[in-house]
């Protein structure tokens, strides 16, 4: 396996992600920010539901990874942007991750990740955008 995930002693525990990823493959995969699904009019299907936005965005990341011959087992880094973020939204955020973890083969804990609160993404109704970096081969 080209990716080893670990959390060295002395770093914050518990957290829902590993602190370090070591990629030993020869090919990098960079997935552009993926958002949740939208209806025919471009409105997000998850409305203002953080859990739904997270689940949809992760599904789209999985689709992008698969297009490059990768899976979440190959991911060395996730960057997650959430609009209007407050710490009290963490349970809903984690519920969204948990709702698709088995379906998508998400490692537990997740690969190294940053959750960044932002004012707005590219459209007002988009609440979550997820970028991924993977190493394969």
C-alpha atoms as a PDB file:
ATOM      1  CA  UNK A   1       0.000   0.000   0.000  1.00  0.00           C
ATOM      2  CA  UNK A   2       1.492   3.355  -1.012  1.00  0.00           C
ATOM      3  CA  UNK A   3      -0.014   5.309   1.931  1.00  0.00           C
ATOM      4  CA  UNK A   4       0.806   4.893   5.622  1.00  0.00           C
ATOM      5  CA  UNK A   5      -1.253   6.911   8.130  1.00  0.00           C
ATOM      6  CA  UNK A   6      -0.119   7.574  11.701  1.00  0.00           C
ATOM      7  CA  UNK A   7      -0.444   9.892  14.690  1.00  0.00           C
ATOM      8  CA  UNK A   8       2.820  10.197  16.610  1.00  0.00           C
ATOM      9  CA  UNK A   9       2.804  10.423  20.395  1.00  0.00           C
ATOM     10  CA  UNK A  10       2.793  13.996  21.630  1.00  0.00           C
ATOM     11  CA  UNK A  11       0.191  15.260  19.144  1.00  0.00           C
ATOM     12  CA  UNK A  12      -3.436  15.994  20.055  1.00  0.00           C
ATOM     13  CA  UNK A  13      -5.612  12.926  20.656  1.00  0.00           C
ATOM     14  CA  UNK A  14      -8.349  11.980  20.052  1.00  0.00           C
ATOM     15  CA  UNK A  15      -9.062  13.640  16.736  1.00  0.00           C
ATOM     16  CA  UNK A  16     -11.137  12.224  13.842  1.00  0.00           C
ATOM     17  CA  UNK A  17      -8.106  12.140  11.545  1.00  0.00           C
ATOM     18  CA  UNK A  18      -4.494  10.959  11.509  1.00  0.00           C
ATOM     19  CA  UNK A  19      -1.831  13.643  11.846  1.00  0.00           C
ATOM     20  CA  UNK A  20       0.625  12.231   9.299  1.00  0.00           C
ATOM     21  CA  UNK A  21       0.417  10.479   5.940  1.00  0.00           C
ATOM     22  CA  UNK A  22       3.445   8.970   4.228  1.00  0.00           C
ATOM     23  CA  UNK A  23       3.006   8.409   0.499  1.00  0.00           C
ATOM     24  CA  UNK A  24       5.411   6.041  -1.199  1.00  0.00           C
ATOM     25  CA  UNK A  25       3.726   5.762  -4.598  1.00  0.00           C
ATOM     26  CA  UNK A  26       4.970   7.328  -7.797  1.00  0.00           C
ATOM     27  CA  UNK A  27       1.819   9.094  -9.010  1.00  0.00           C
ATOM     28  CA  UNK A  28      -0.014  11.957  -7.332  1.00  0.00           C
ATOM     29  CA  UNK A  29      -3.739  12.542  -7.728  1.00  0.00           C
ATOM     30  CA  UNK A  30      -5.116  16.007  -6.945  1.00  0.00           C
ATOM     31  CA  UNK A  31      -8.895  16.264  -6.746  1.00  0.00           C
ATOM     32  CA  UNK A  32     -10.347  19.750  -7.146  1.00  0.00           C
ATOM     33  CA  UNK A  33     -12.862  20.922  -4.582  1.00  0.00           C
ATOM     34  CA  UNK A  34     -15.987  18.791  -4.761  1.00  0.00           C
ATOM     35  CA  UNK A  35     -19.360  19.954  -3.491  1.00  0.00           C
ATOM     36  CA  UNK A  36     -22.678  18.262  -2.891  1.00  0.00           C
ATOM     37  CA  UNK A  37     -25.142  17.308  -5.576  1.00  0.00           C
ATOM     38  CA  UNK A  38     -27.459  19.905  -7.088  1.00  0.00           C
ATOM     39  CA  UNK A  39     -30.882  19.685  -8.696  1.00  0.00           C
ATOM     40  CA  UNK A  40     -31.725  20.631 -12.311  1.00  0.00           C
ATOM     41  CA  UNK A  41     -31.857  24.312 -11.301  1.00  0.00           C
ATOM     42  CA  UNK A  42     -28.439  24.177  -9.604  1.00  0.00           C
ATOM     43  CA  UNK A  43     -29.812  24.311  -6.049  1.00  0.00           C
ATOM     44  CA  UNK A  44     -27.996  22.072  -3.537  1.00  0.00           C
ATOM     45  CA  UNK A  45     -30.019  18.919  -2.767  1.00  0.00           C
ATOM     46  CA  UNK A  46     -28.937  18.966   0.884  1.00  0.00           C
ATOM     47  CA  UNK A  47     -30.392  22.489   1.422  1.00  0.00           C
ATOM     48  CA  UNK A  48     -28.729  23.863   4.590  1.00  0.00           C
ATOM     49  CA  UNK A  49     -28.003  20.419   6.084  1.00  0.00           C
ATOM     50  CA  UNK A  50     -24.262  20.202   6.860  1.00  0.00           C
ATOM     51  CA  UNK A  51     -24.382  16.401   7.192  1.00  0.00           C
ATOM     52  CA  UNK A  52     -25.982  16.087   3.765  1.00  0.00           C
ATOM     53  CA  UNK A  53     -23.497  18.460   2.145  1.00  0.00           C
ATOM     54  CA  UNK A  54     -20.563  16.542   3.659  1.00  0.00           C
ATOM     55  CA  UNK A  55     -21.931  13.164   2.550  1.00  0.00           C
ATOM     56  CA  UNK A  56     -22.631  14.375  -0.999  1.00  0.00           C
ATOM     57  CA  UNK A  57     -19.238  16.054  -1.340  1.00  0.00           C
ATOM     58  CA  UNK A  58     -17.435  12.927  -0.102  1.00  0.00           C
ATOM     59  CA  UNK A  59     -19.339  10.813  -2.629  1.00  0.00           C
ATOM     60  CA  UNK A  60     -18.195  13.177  -5.382  1.00  0.00           C
ATOM     61  CA  UNK A  61     -14.593  12.992  -4.135  1.00  0.00           C
ATOM     62  CA  UNK A  62     -14.851   9.183  -4.286  1.00  0.00           C
ATOM     63  CA  UNK A  63     -16.089   9.398  -7.882  1.00  0.00           C
ATOM     64  CA  UNK A  64     -13.198  11.702  -8.816  1.00  0.00           C
ATOM     65  CA  UNK A  65     -10.674   9.420  -7.112  1.00  0.00           C
ATOM     66  CA  UNK A  66     -12.082   6.371  -8.900  1.00  0.00           C
ATOM     67  CA  UNK A  67     -11.658   8.183 -12.220  1.00  0.00           C
ATOM     68  CA  UNK A  68      -7.933   8.326 -11.482  1.00  0.00           C
ATOM     69  CA  UNK A  69      -7.763   4.711 -10.297  1.00  0.00           C
ATOM     70  CA  UNK A  70      -7.620   5.688  -6.609  1.00  0.00           C
ATOM     71  CA  UNK A  71      -9.733   5.228  -3.485  1.00  0.00           C
ATOM     72  CA  UNK A  72      -9.851   6.867  -0.077  1.00  0.00           C
ATOM     73  CA  UNK A  73      -7.183   4.339   1.004  1.00  0.00           C
ATOM     74  CA  UNK A  74      -4.787   6.281  -1.250  1.00  0.00           C
ATOM     75  CA  UNK A  75      -5.612   9.732   0.149  1.00  0.00           C
ATOM     76  CA  UNK A  76      -2.817  11.539   1.981  1.00  0.00           C
ATOM     77  CA  UNK A  77      -4.635  14.837   2.576  1.00  0.00           C
ATOM     78  CA  UNK A  78      -8.144  16.284   2.742  1.00  0.00           C
ATOM     79  CA  UNK A  79      -8.911  19.993   2.828  1.00  0.00           C
ATOM     80  CA  UNK A  80     -12.481  20.806   3.783  1.00  0.00           C
ATOM     81  CA  UNK A  81     -14.058  24.235   3.489  1.00  0.00           C
ATOM     82  CA  UNK A  82     -17.336  24.941   5.309  1.00  0.00           C
ATOM     83  CA  UNK A  83     -19.259  28.190   5.110  1.00  0.00           C
ATOM     84  CA  UNK A  84     -20.525  29.898   8.253  1.00  0.00           C
ATOM     85  CA  UNK A  85     -18.622  27.356  10.368  1.00  0.00           C
ATOM     86  CA  UNK A  86     -19.055  27.227  14.125  1.00  0.00           C
ATOM     87  CA  UNK A  87     -17.728  24.542  16.447  1.00  0.00           C
ATOM     88  CA  UNK A  88     -21.240  23.465  17.445  1.00  0.00           C
ATOM     89  CA  UNK A  89     -21.678  22.114  13.886  1.00  0.00           C
ATOM     90  CA  UNK A  90     -19.037  19.396  14.464  1.00  0.00           C
ATOM     91  CA  UNK A  91     -21.570  16.662  15.442  1.00  0.00           C
ATOM     92  CA  UNK A  92     -23.514  17.232  12.202  1.00  0.00           C
ATOM     93  CA  UNK A  93     -20.260  17.330  10.215  1.00  0.00           C
ATOM     94  CA  UNK A  94     -19.126  14.013  11.724  1.00  0.00           C
ATOM     95  CA  UNK A  95     -22.604  12.520  11.160  1.00  0.00           C
ATOM     96  CA  UNK A  96     -22.206  13.303   7.463  1.00  0.00           C
ATOM     97  CA  UNK A  97     -18.828  11.572   7.397  1.00  0.00           C
ATOM     98  CA  UNK A  98     -20.209   8.602   9.330  1.00  0.00           C
ATOM     99  CA  UNK A  99     -23.209   8.225   7.045  1.00  0.00           C
ATOM    100  CA  UNK A 100     -20.990   7.389   4.048  1.00  0.00           C
ATOM    101  CA  UNK A 101     -17.899   5.926   5.756  1.00  0.00           C
ATOM    102  CA  UNK A 102     -18.693   2.281   5.010  1.00  0.00           C
ATOM    103  CA  UNK A 103     -20.132   2.992   1.555  1.00  0.00           C
ATOM    104  CA  UNK A 104     -16.988   4.855   0.459  1.00  0.00           C
ATOM    105  CA  UNK A 105     -14.371   2.873   2.382  1.00  0.00           C
ATOM    106  CA  UNK A 106     -13.264   5.878   4.433  1.00  0.00           C
ATOM    107  CA  UNK A 107     -10.388   5.019   6.771  1.00  0.00           C
ATOM    108  CA  UNK A 108     -10.995   5.555  10.484  1.00  0.00           C
ATOM    109  CA  UNK A 109      -9.523   7.869  11.577  1.00  0.00           C
ATOM    110  CA  UNK A 110      -9.494   9.901   8.382  1.00  0.00           C
ATOM    111  CA  UNK A 111      -6.270  10.867   6.591  1.00  0.00           C
ATOM    112  CA  UNK A 112      -4.696  14.173   7.644  1.00  0.00           C
ATOM    113  CA  UNK A 113      -7.341  16.845   7.212  1.00  0.00           C
ATOM    114  CA  UNK A 114      -7.934  20.539   7.672  1.00  0.00           C
ATOM    115  CA  UNK A 115     -11.412  21.951   8.216  1.00  0.00           C
ATOM    116  CA  UNK A 116     -11.431  25.623   7.265  1.00  0.00           C
ATOM    117  CA  UNK A 117     -14.343  27.940   7.969  1.00  0.00           C
ATOM    118  CA  UNK A 118     -15.004  30.415   5.170  1.00  0.00           C
ATOM    119  CA  UNK A 119     -17.582  33.123   4.602  1.00  0.00           C
ATOM    120  CA  UNK A 120     -18.783  31.910   1.197  1.00  0.00           C
ATOM    121  CA  UNK A 121     -17.828  29.421  -1.503  1.00  0.00           C
ATOM    122  CA  UNK A 122     -18.406  29.887  -5.233  1.00  0.00           C
ATOM    123  CA  UNK A 123     -22.212  29.906  -4.876  1.00  0.00           C
ATOM    124  CA  UNK A 124     -24.264  31.038  -1.872  1.00  0.00           C
ATOM    125  CA  UNK A 125     -26.060  27.692  -1.329  1.00  0.00           C
ATOM    126  CA  UNK A 126     -22.883  25.605  -1.302  1.00  0.00           C
ATOM    127  CA  UNK A 127     -21.922  24.885   2.319  1.00  0.00           C
ATOM    128  CA  UNK A 128     -19.104  22.323   1.919  1.00  0.00           C
ATOM    129  CA  UNK A 129     -16.243  21.862  -0.553  1.00  0.00           C
ATOM    130  CA  UNK A 130     -13.677  19.051  -0.214  1.00  0.00           C
ATOM    131  CA  UNK A 131     -10.282  18.732  -1.923  1.00  0.00           C
ATOM    132  CA  UNK A 132      -8.229  15.530  -1.822  1.00  0.00           C
ATOM    133  CA  UNK A 133      -4.638  14.561  -2.580  1.00  0.00           C
ATOM    134  CA  UNK A 134      -3.787  10.903  -3.126  1.00  0.00           C
ATOM    135  CA  UNK A 135      -0.697   8.862  -3.967  1.00  0.00           C
ATOM    136  CA  UNK A 136      -0.947   5.731  -6.125  1.00  0.00           C
ATOM    137  CA  UNK A 137       1.359   3.288  -7.838  1.00  0.00           C
END
